[in-house]
Amino acid sequence: GDESIQLAEQLSLDHAAPVAERGK
């Protein structure tokens, strides 16, 4: 649900490229 958007945004801003890519 709505929690997924918040988690995805947090992960998309990660300093590790593979994590940020998965978040995006």
PDB file of all heavy atoms in Angstrom:
ATOM      1  N   GLY A   1       0.812  -1.213   0.000  1.00  0.00           N
ATOM      2  CA  GLY A   1       0.000   0.000   0.000  1.00  0.00           C
ATOM      3  C   GLY A   1       0.846   1.264   0.000  1.00  0.00           C
ATOM      4  O   GLY A   1       1.874   1.358  -0.676  1.00  0.00           O
ATOM      5  N   ASP A   2       0.422   2.271   0.782  1.00  0.00           N
ATOM      6  CA  ASP A   2       1.078   3.585   0.794  1.00  0.00           C
ATOM      7  C   ASP A   2       2.498   3.550   1.369  1.00  0.00           C
ATOM      8  O   ASP A   2       3.314   4.410   1.061  1.00  0.00           O
ATOM      9  CB  ASP A   2       0.237   4.581   1.581  1.00  0.00           C
ATOM     10  CG  ASP A   2      -1.085   4.880   0.893  1.00  0.00           C
ATOM     11  OD1 ASP A   2      -1.150   4.691  -0.338  1.00  0.00           O
ATOM     12  OD2 ASP A   2      -2.032   5.293   1.583  1.00  0.00           O
ATOM     13  N   GLU A   3       2.770   2.588   2.210  1.00  0.00           N
ATOM     14  CA  GLU A   3       4.107   2.479   2.804  1.00  0.00           C
ATOM     15  C   GLU A   3       5.163   2.237   1.730  1.00  0.00           C
ATOM     16  O   GLU A   3       6.321   2.620   1.884  1.00  0.00           O
ATOM     17  CB  GLU A   3       4.148   1.332   3.814  1.00  0.00           C
ATOM     18  CG  GLU A   3       3.262   1.535   5.005  1.00  0.00           C
ATOM     19  CD  GLU A   3       3.813   2.544   5.993  1.00  0.00           C
ATOM     20  OE1 GLU A   3       5.021   2.814   5.962  1.00  0.00           O
ATOM     21  OE2 GLU A   3       3.006   3.056   6.782  1.00  0.00           O
ATOM     22  N   SER A   4       4.765   1.615   0.632  1.00  0.00           N
ATOM     23  CA  SER A   4       5.727   1.284  -0.418  1.00  0.00           C
ATOM     24  C   SER A   4       6.304   2.538  -1.074  1.00  0.00           C
ATOM     25  O   SER A   4       7.478   2.559  -1.436  1.00  0.00           O
ATOM     26  CB  SER A   4       5.095   0.380  -1.473  1.00  0.00           C
ATOM     27  OG  SER A   4       4.012   1.038  -2.086  1.00  0.00           O
ATOM     28  N   ILE A   5       5.511   3.582  -1.207  1.00  0.00           N
ATOM     29  CA  ILE A   5       5.999   4.817  -1.831  1.00  0.00           C
ATOM     30  C   ILE A   5       7.082   5.451  -0.967  1.00  0.00           C
ATOM     31  O   ILE A   5       8.143   5.846  -1.466  1.00  0.00           O
ATOM     32  CB  ILE A   5       4.834   5.809  -2.061  1.00  0.00           C
ATOM     33  CG1 ILE A   5       3.823   5.209  -3.030  1.00  0.00           C
ATOM     34  CG2 ILE A   5       5.354   7.145  -2.579  1.00  0.00           C
ATOM     35  CD1 ILE A   5       2.547   5.996  -3.146  1.00  0.00           C
ATOM     36  N   GLN A   6       6.830   5.520   0.322  1.00  0.00           N
ATOM     37  CA  GLN A   6       7.807   6.110   1.243  1.00  0.00           C
ATOM     38  C   GLN A   6       9.113   5.316   1.245  1.00  0.00           C
ATOM     39  O   GLN A   6      10.200   5.892   1.171  1.00  0.00           O
ATOM     40  CB  GLN A   6       7.221   6.166   2.648  1.00  0.00           C
ATOM     41  CG  GLN A   6       8.165   6.738   3.681  1.00  0.00           C
ATOM     42  CD  GLN A   6       7.608   6.628   5.096  1.00  0.00           C
ATOM     43  OE1 GLN A   6       6.582   5.984   5.320  1.00  0.00           O
ATOM     44  NE2 GLN A   6       8.287   7.235   6.034  1.00  0.00           N
ATOM     45  N   LEU A   7       9.010   4.000   1.302  1.00  0.00           N
ATOM     46  CA  LEU A   7      10.215   3.163   1.297  1.00  0.00           C
ATOM     47  C   LEU A   7      10.966   3.274  -0.024  1.00  0.00           C
ATOM     48  O   LEU A   7      12.203   3.350  -0.044  1.00  0.00           O
ATOM     49  CB  LEU A   7       9.851   1.707   1.579  1.00  0.00           C
ATOM     50  CG  LEU A   7       9.517   1.372   3.026  1.00  0.00           C
ATOM     51  CD1 LEU A   7       8.873  -0.003   3.109  1.00  0.00           C
ATOM     52  CD2 LEU A   7      10.764   1.425   3.879  1.00  0.00           C
ATOM     53  N   ALA A   8      10.234   3.298  -1.142  1.00  0.00           N
ATOM     54  CA  ALA A   8      10.870   3.408  -2.449  1.00  0.00           C
ATOM     55  C   ALA A   8      11.592   4.742  -2.596  1.00  0.00           C
ATOM     56  O   ALA A   8      12.699   4.800  -3.136  1.00  0.00           O
ATOM     57  CB  ALA A   8       9.833   3.238  -3.559  1.00  0.00           C
ATOM     58  N   GLU A   9      10.985   5.822  -2.105  1.00  0.00           N
ATOM     59  CA  GLU A   9      11.650   7.132  -2.159  1.00  0.00           C
ATOM     60  C   GLU A   9      12.910   7.144  -1.317  1.00  0.00           C
ATOM     61  O   GLU A   9      13.940   7.677  -1.732  1.00  0.00           O
ATOM     62  CB  GLU A   9      10.683   8.227  -1.697  1.00  0.00           C
ATOM     63  CG  GLU A   9       9.597   8.524  -2.698  1.00  0.00           C
ATOM     64  CD  GLU A   9       8.554   9.500  -2.172  1.00  0.00           C
ATOM     65  OE1 GLU A   9       8.528   9.770  -0.950  1.00  0.00           O
ATOM     66  OE2 GLU A   9       7.772   9.993  -3.000  1.00  0.00           O
ATOM     67  N   GLN A  10      12.842   6.551  -0.125  1.00  0.00           N
ATOM     68  CA  GLN A  10      14.020   6.490   0.747  1.00  0.00           C
ATOM     69  C   GLN A  10      15.146   5.703   0.076  1.00  0.00           C
ATOM     70  O   GLN A  10      16.296   6.127   0.068  1.00  0.00           O
ATOM     71  CB  GLN A  10      13.656   5.843   2.085  1.00  0.00           C
ATOM     72  CG  GLN A  10      14.837   5.647   3.011  1.00  0.00           C
ATOM     73  CD  GLN A  10      14.464   4.897   4.274  1.00  0.00           C
ATOM     74  OE1 GLN A  10      13.284   4.699   4.579  1.00  0.00           O
ATOM     75  NE2 GLN A  10      15.464   4.464   5.012  1.00  0.00           N
ATOM     76  N   LEU A  11      14.796   4.569  -0.517  1.00  0.00           N
ATOM     77  CA  LEU A  11      15.810   3.736  -1.151  1.00  0.00           C
ATOM     78  C   LEU A  11      16.344   4.369  -2.435  1.00  0.00           C
ATOM     79  O   LEU A  11      17.509   4.187  -2.774  1.00  0.00           O
ATOM     80  CB  LEU A  11      15.242   2.344  -1.430  1.00  0.00           C
ATOM     81  CG  LEU A  11      14.962   1.503  -0.178  1.00  0.00           C
ATOM     82  CD1 LEU A  11      14.125   0.290  -0.529  1.00  0.00           C
ATOM     83  CD2 LEU A  11      16.247   1.099   0.500  1.00  0.00           C
ATOM     84  N   SER A  12      15.526   5.127  -3.150  1.00  0.00           N
ATOM     85  CA  SER A  12      15.985   5.748  -4.400  1.00  0.00           C
ATOM     86  C   SER A  12      17.015   6.847  -4.145  1.00  0.00           C
ATOM     87  O   SER A  12      17.764   7.211  -5.046  1.00  0.00           O
ATOM     88  CB  SER A  12      14.803   6.307  -5.179  1.00  0.00           C
ATOM     89  OG  SER A  12      14.268   7.433  -4.527  1.00  0.00           O
ATOM     90  N   LEU A  13      17.061   7.375  -2.932  1.00  0.00           N
ATOM     91  CA  LEU A  13      18.028   8.414  -2.576  1.00  0.00           C
ATOM     92  C   LEU A  13      19.276   7.852  -1.907  1.00  0.00           C
ATOM     93  O   LEU A  13      20.114   8.614  -1.427  1.00  0.00           O
ATOM     94  CB  LEU A  13      17.362   9.436  -1.639  1.00  0.00           C
ATOM     95  CG  LEU A  13      16.158  10.176  -2.228  1.00  0.00           C
ATOM     96  CD1 LEU A  13      15.500  11.037  -1.162  1.00  0.00           C
ATOM     97  CD2 LEU A  13      16.576  11.002  -3.426  1.00  0.00           C
ATOM     98  N   ASP A  14      19.400   6.546  -1.884  1.00  0.00           N
ATOM     99  CA  ASP A  14      20.524   5.893  -1.212  1.00  0.00           C
ATOM    100  C   ASP A  14      21.836   6.224  -1.912  1.00  0.00           C
ATOM    101  O   ASP A  14      21.883   6.424  -3.125  1.00  0.00           O
ATOM    102  CB  ASP A  14      20.318   4.375  -1.202  1.00  0.00           C
ATOM    103  CG  ASP A  14      21.157   3.694  -0.158  1.00  0.00           C
ATOM    104  OD1 ASP A  14      22.323   3.382  -0.445  1.00  0.00           O
ATOM    105  OD2 ASP A  14      20.629   3.490   0.948  1.00  0.00           O
ATOM    106  N   HIS A  15      22.925   6.296  -1.144  1.00  0.00           N
ATOM    107  CA  HIS A  15      24.230   6.604  -1.724  1.00  0.00           C
ATOM    108  C   HIS A  15      24.858   5.416  -2.449  1.00  0.00           C
ATOM    109  O   HIS A  15      25.761   5.594  -3.257  1.00  0.00           O
ATOM    110  CB  HIS A  15      25.190   7.144  -0.655  1.00  0.00           C
ATOM    111  CG  HIS A  15      25.500   6.147   0.429  1.00  0.00           C
ATOM    112  ND1 HIS A  15      24.687   5.981   1.529  1.00  0.00           N
ATOM    113  CD2 HIS A  15      26.513   5.276   0.556  1.00  0.00           C
ATOM    114  CE1 HIS A  15      25.210   5.043   2.295  1.00  0.00           C
ATOM    115  NE2 HIS A  15      26.312   4.591   1.739  1.00  0.00           N
ATOM    116  N   ALA A  16      24.376   4.207  -2.187  1.00  0.00           N
ATOM    117  CA  ALA A  16      24.864   3.027  -2.909  1.00  0.00           C
ATOM    118  C   ALA A  16      24.068   2.893  -4.205  1.00  0.00           C
ATOM    119  O   ALA A  16      22.836   2.816  -4.185  1.00  0.00           O
ATOM    120  CB  ALA A  16      24.714   1.777  -2.054  1.00  0.00           C
ATOM    121  N   ALA A  17      24.769   2.872  -5.318  1.00  0.00           N
ATOM    122  CA  ALA A  17      24.115   2.860  -6.633  1.00  0.00           C
ATOM    123  C   ALA A  17      23.145   1.687  -6.833  1.00  0.00           C
ATOM    124  O   ALA A  17      22.044   1.892  -7.341  1.00  0.00           O
ATOM    125  CB  ALA A  17      25.162   2.886  -7.739  1.00  0.00           C
ATOM    126  N   PRO A  18      23.507   0.454  -6.470  1.00  0.00           N
ATOM    127  CA  PRO A  18      22.559  -0.649  -6.677  1.00  0.00           C
ATOM    128  C   PRO A  18      21.264  -0.483  -5.877  1.00  0.00           C
ATOM    129  O   PRO A  18      20.188  -0.833  -6.355  1.00  0.00           O
ATOM    130  CB  PRO A  18      23.322  -1.894  -6.212  1.00  0.00           C
ATOM    131  CG  PRO A  18      24.754  -1.520  -6.306  1.00  0.00           C
ATOM    132  CD  PRO A  18      24.808  -0.045  -6.011  1.00  0.00           C
ATOM    133  N   VAL A  19      21.379   0.058  -4.680  1.00  0.00           N
ATOM    134  CA  VAL A  19      20.194   0.282  -3.848  1.00  0.00           C
ATOM    135  C   VAL A  19      19.331   1.378  -4.453  1.00  0.00           C
ATOM    136  O   VAL A  19      18.106   1.237  -4.566  1.00  0.00           O
ATOM    137  CB  VAL A  19      20.607   0.640  -2.399  1.00  0.00           C
ATOM    138  CG1 VAL A  19      19.377   0.922  -1.548  1.00  0.00           C
ATOM    139  CG2 VAL A  19      21.447  -0.462  -1.788  1.00  0.00           C
ATOM    140  N   ALA A  20      19.974   2.475  -4.861  1.00  0.00           N
ATOM    141  CA  ALA A  20      19.240   3.592  -5.466  1.00  0.00           C
ATOM    142  C   ALA A  20      18.547   3.157  -6.756  1.00  0.00           C
ATOM    143  O   ALA A  20      17.412   3.556  -7.024  1.00  0.00           O
ATOM    144  CB  ALA A  20      20.190   4.753  -5.728  1.00  0.00           C
ATOM    145  N   GLU A  21      19.220   2.324  -7.534  1.00  0.00           N
ATOM    146  CA  GLU A  21      18.618   1.827  -8.781  1.00  0.00           C
ATOM    147  C   GLU A  21      17.357   1.015  -8.494  1.00  0.00           C
ATOM    148  O   GLU A  21      16.336   1.166  -9.164  1.00  0.00           O
ATOM    149  CB  GLU A  21      19.622   0.963  -9.537  1.00  0.00           C
ATOM    150  CG  GLU A  21      19.057   0.339 -10.783  1.00  0.00           C
ATOM    151  CD  GLU A  21      19.937  -0.771 -11.326  1.00  0.00           C
ATOM    152  OE1 GLU A  21      21.081  -0.909 -10.895  1.00  0.00           O
ATOM    153  OE2 GLU A  21      19.427  -1.515 -12.179  1.00  0.00           O
ATOM    154  N   ARG A  22      17.401   0.157  -7.490  1.00  0.00           N
ATOM    155  CA  ARG A  22      16.232  -0.652  -7.122  1.00  0.00           C
ATOM    156  C   ARG A  22      15.112   0.244  -6.609  1.00  0.00           C
ATOM    157  O   ARG A  22      13.944   0.011  -6.893  1.00  0.00           O
ATOM    158  CB  ARG A  22      16.594  -1.685  -6.051  1.00  0.00           C
ATOM    159  CG  ARG A  22      17.661  -2.661  -6.470  1.00  0.00           C
ATOM    160  CD  ARG A  22      17.153  -3.807  -7.315  1.00  0.00           C
ATOM    161  NE  ARG A  22      16.807  -3.369  -8.653  1.00  0.00           N
ATOM    162  CZ  ARG A  22      16.079  -4.034  -9.529  1.00  0.00           C
ATOM    163  NH1 ARG A  22      15.598  -5.201  -9.232  1.00  0.00           N
ATOM    164  NH2 ARG A  22      15.813  -3.574 -10.717  1.00  0.00           N
ATOM    165  N   GLY A  23      15.460   1.270  -5.829  1.00  0.00           N
ATOM    166  CA  GLY A  23      14.453   2.197  -5.333  1.00  0.00           C
ATOM    167  C   GLY A  23      13.783   2.962  -6.464  1.00  0.00           C
ATOM    168  O   GLY A  23      12.560   3.147  -6.472  1.00  0.00           O
ATOM    169  N   LYS A  24      14.569   3.406  -7.436  1.00  0.00           N
ATOM    170  CA  LYS A  24      14.021   4.125  -8.591  1.00  0.00           C
ATOM    171  C   LYS A  24      13.141   3.198  -9.432  1.00  0.00           C
ATOM    172  O   LYS A  24      12.094   3.608  -9.946  1.00  0.00           O
ATOM    173  CB  LYS A  24      15.142   4.712  -9.438  1.00  0.00           C
ATOM    174  CG  LYS A  24      15.848   5.857  -8.739  1.00  0.00           C
ATOM    175  CD  LYS A  24      17.068   6.313  -9.511  1.00  0.00           C
ATOM    176  CE  LYS A  24      17.825   7.351  -8.713  1.00  0.00           C
ATOM    177  NZ  LYS A  24      19.109   7.704  -9.309  1.00  0.00           N
TER     178      LYS A  24
END
